[in-house]
Protein backbone atom coordinates (compact mmCIF):
# COMPACT_ATOMS: atom_id res chain seq x y z
CA MET A 1 0.00 0.00 0.00
CA PRO A 2 1.62 3.29 -1.07
CA ILE A 3 1.89 6.13 1.42
CA SER A 4 -0.31 9.05 0.45
CA PRO A 5 0.00 12.74 1.42
CA PRO A 6 -1.58 13.76 4.75
CA ALA A 7 -4.57 15.41 3.07
CA ASP A 8 -5.49 12.10 1.45
CA VAL A 9 -5.07 10.19 4.72
CA PHE A 10 -7.49 12.43 6.62
CA GLY A 11 -9.89 13.20 3.82
CA VAL A 12 -12.71 15.70 4.24
CA ASP A 13 -14.29 13.81 7.16
CA GLY A 14 -10.97 13.62 9.02
CA ILE A 15 -10.32 17.34 8.63
CA ILE A 16 -13.79 18.19 9.98
CA ILE A 17 -13.23 15.92 12.99
CA LEU A 18 -9.82 17.51 13.59
CA VAL A 19 -11.32 21.03 13.56
CA VAL A 20 -14.04 19.97 16.02
CA VAL A 21 -11.46 18.43 18.37
CA VAL A 22 -9.32 21.59 18.26
CA LEU A 23 -12.40 23.72 19.04
CA VAL A 24 -13.30 21.51 21.99
CA LEU A 25 -9.75 21.44 23.39
CA PHE A 26 -8.87 25.11 23.03
CA GLY A 27 -12.27 26.77 23.00
CA SER A 28 -13.42 29.44 20.58
CA THR A 29 -11.84 32.28 22.61
CA GLN A 30 -8.36 30.76 22.74
CA ILE A 31 -7.97 30.00 19.01
CA PRO A 32 -7.58 33.67 17.91
CA LYS A 33 -5.00 34.22 20.68
CA LEU A 34 -3.14 31.12 19.56
CA ALA A 35 -3.17 32.30 15.94
CA ARG A 36 -1.89 35.75 16.97
CA SER A 37 0.93 34.27 19.03
CA LEU A 38 1.93 31.98 16.17
CA GLY A 39 1.95 34.94 13.77
CA SER A 40 4.07 37.08 16.08
CA ALA A 41 6.46 34.18 16.65
CA GLN A 42 6.83 33.79 12.89
CA LYS A 43 7.54 37.53 12.50
CA GLU A 44 10.17 37.44 15.26
CA PHE A 45 11.79 34.41 13.67
CA LYS A 46 12.04 36.10 10.26
CA LYS A 47 13.34 39.29 11.91
CA GLY A 48 16.01 37.29 13.71
CA LEU A 49 17.05 35.61 10.46
CA ASP A 50 17.36 38.99 8.72
CA GLU A 51 19.36 40.49 11.60
CA GLY A 52 21.64 37.47 11.70
CA ALA A 53 22.30 37.69 7.97
CA SER A 54 23.02 41.43 8.17
CA ASP A 55 25.32 40.88 11.19
CA ASP A 56 27.23 38.22 9.27
CA ASP A 57 27.63 40.52 6.27
CA ALA A 58 28.74 43.44 8.46
CA SER A 59 31.26 41.37 10.41
CA THR A 60 32.71 39.91 7.22
CA LYS A 61 33.10 43.37 5.71
CA SER A 62 34.59 44.88 8.88
CA LEU A 63 37.12 42.06 9.18
CA ALA A 64 38.15 42.50 5.56
CA GLU A 65 38.54 46.28 5.97
CA ALA A 66 40.23 46.19 9.40
CA ALA A 67 43.01 43.75 8.62
CA PRO A 68 45.33 44.83 5.80
CA PRO A 69 46.70 42.02 3.72
CA ALA A 70 49.74 40.44 5.29
CA ALA A 71 53.04 41.32 3.62
CA VAL A 72 54.93 38.32 2.40
CA ASN A 73 58.47 38.39 3.78
CA PRO A 74 61.10 35.99 2.53
CA PRO A 75 62.33 33.59 5.19
CA ALA A 76 65.23 34.90 7.20
CA GLN A 77 68.59 33.34 6.42
CA PRO A 78 70.68 32.21 9.37
CA PRO A 79 73.84 34.23 9.93
CA GLN A 80 76.94 32.74 8.32
CA PRO A 81 79.89 31.98 10.59
CA PRO A 82 82.98 34.08 9.87
CA VAL A 83 85.53 32.41 7.62
CA GLN A 84 89.05 32.24 9.03
CA SER A 85 91.75 31.68 6.54
CA ASN A 86 95.42 31.08 6.94
CA VAL A 87 96.05 31.61 3.24
CA ASP A 88 98.12 34.66 2.14
CA GLY A 89 97.22 36.04 -1.21
CA PRO A 90 96.30 34.31 -4.42
CA THR A 91 99.13 31.79 -4.34
CA GLY A 92 97.63 29.84 -1.53
CA THR A 93 100.67 29.81 0.80
CA SER A 94 99.90 29.57 4.44
CA SER A 95 101.59 31.54 7.15
């Protein structure tokens, strides 16, 4: 048996029964309050998403502007030990 979408599972009769059960549980005065609170929660959620995206953009831009690109320096060469020579002149005689 293939699984059908939820609307097909409930059908028209199931949806009517569901609405009646919700009315009995919450009462007719509580449903508008519940709908308002869900709407305000959705607005706050979207507002938070927008603020988070703008904060991410601003922090990325400020980091890119604040830090100048690092200068590439060649690696330092170790100092060379002094060369001591006992050779006099180009002939290569030692003293």
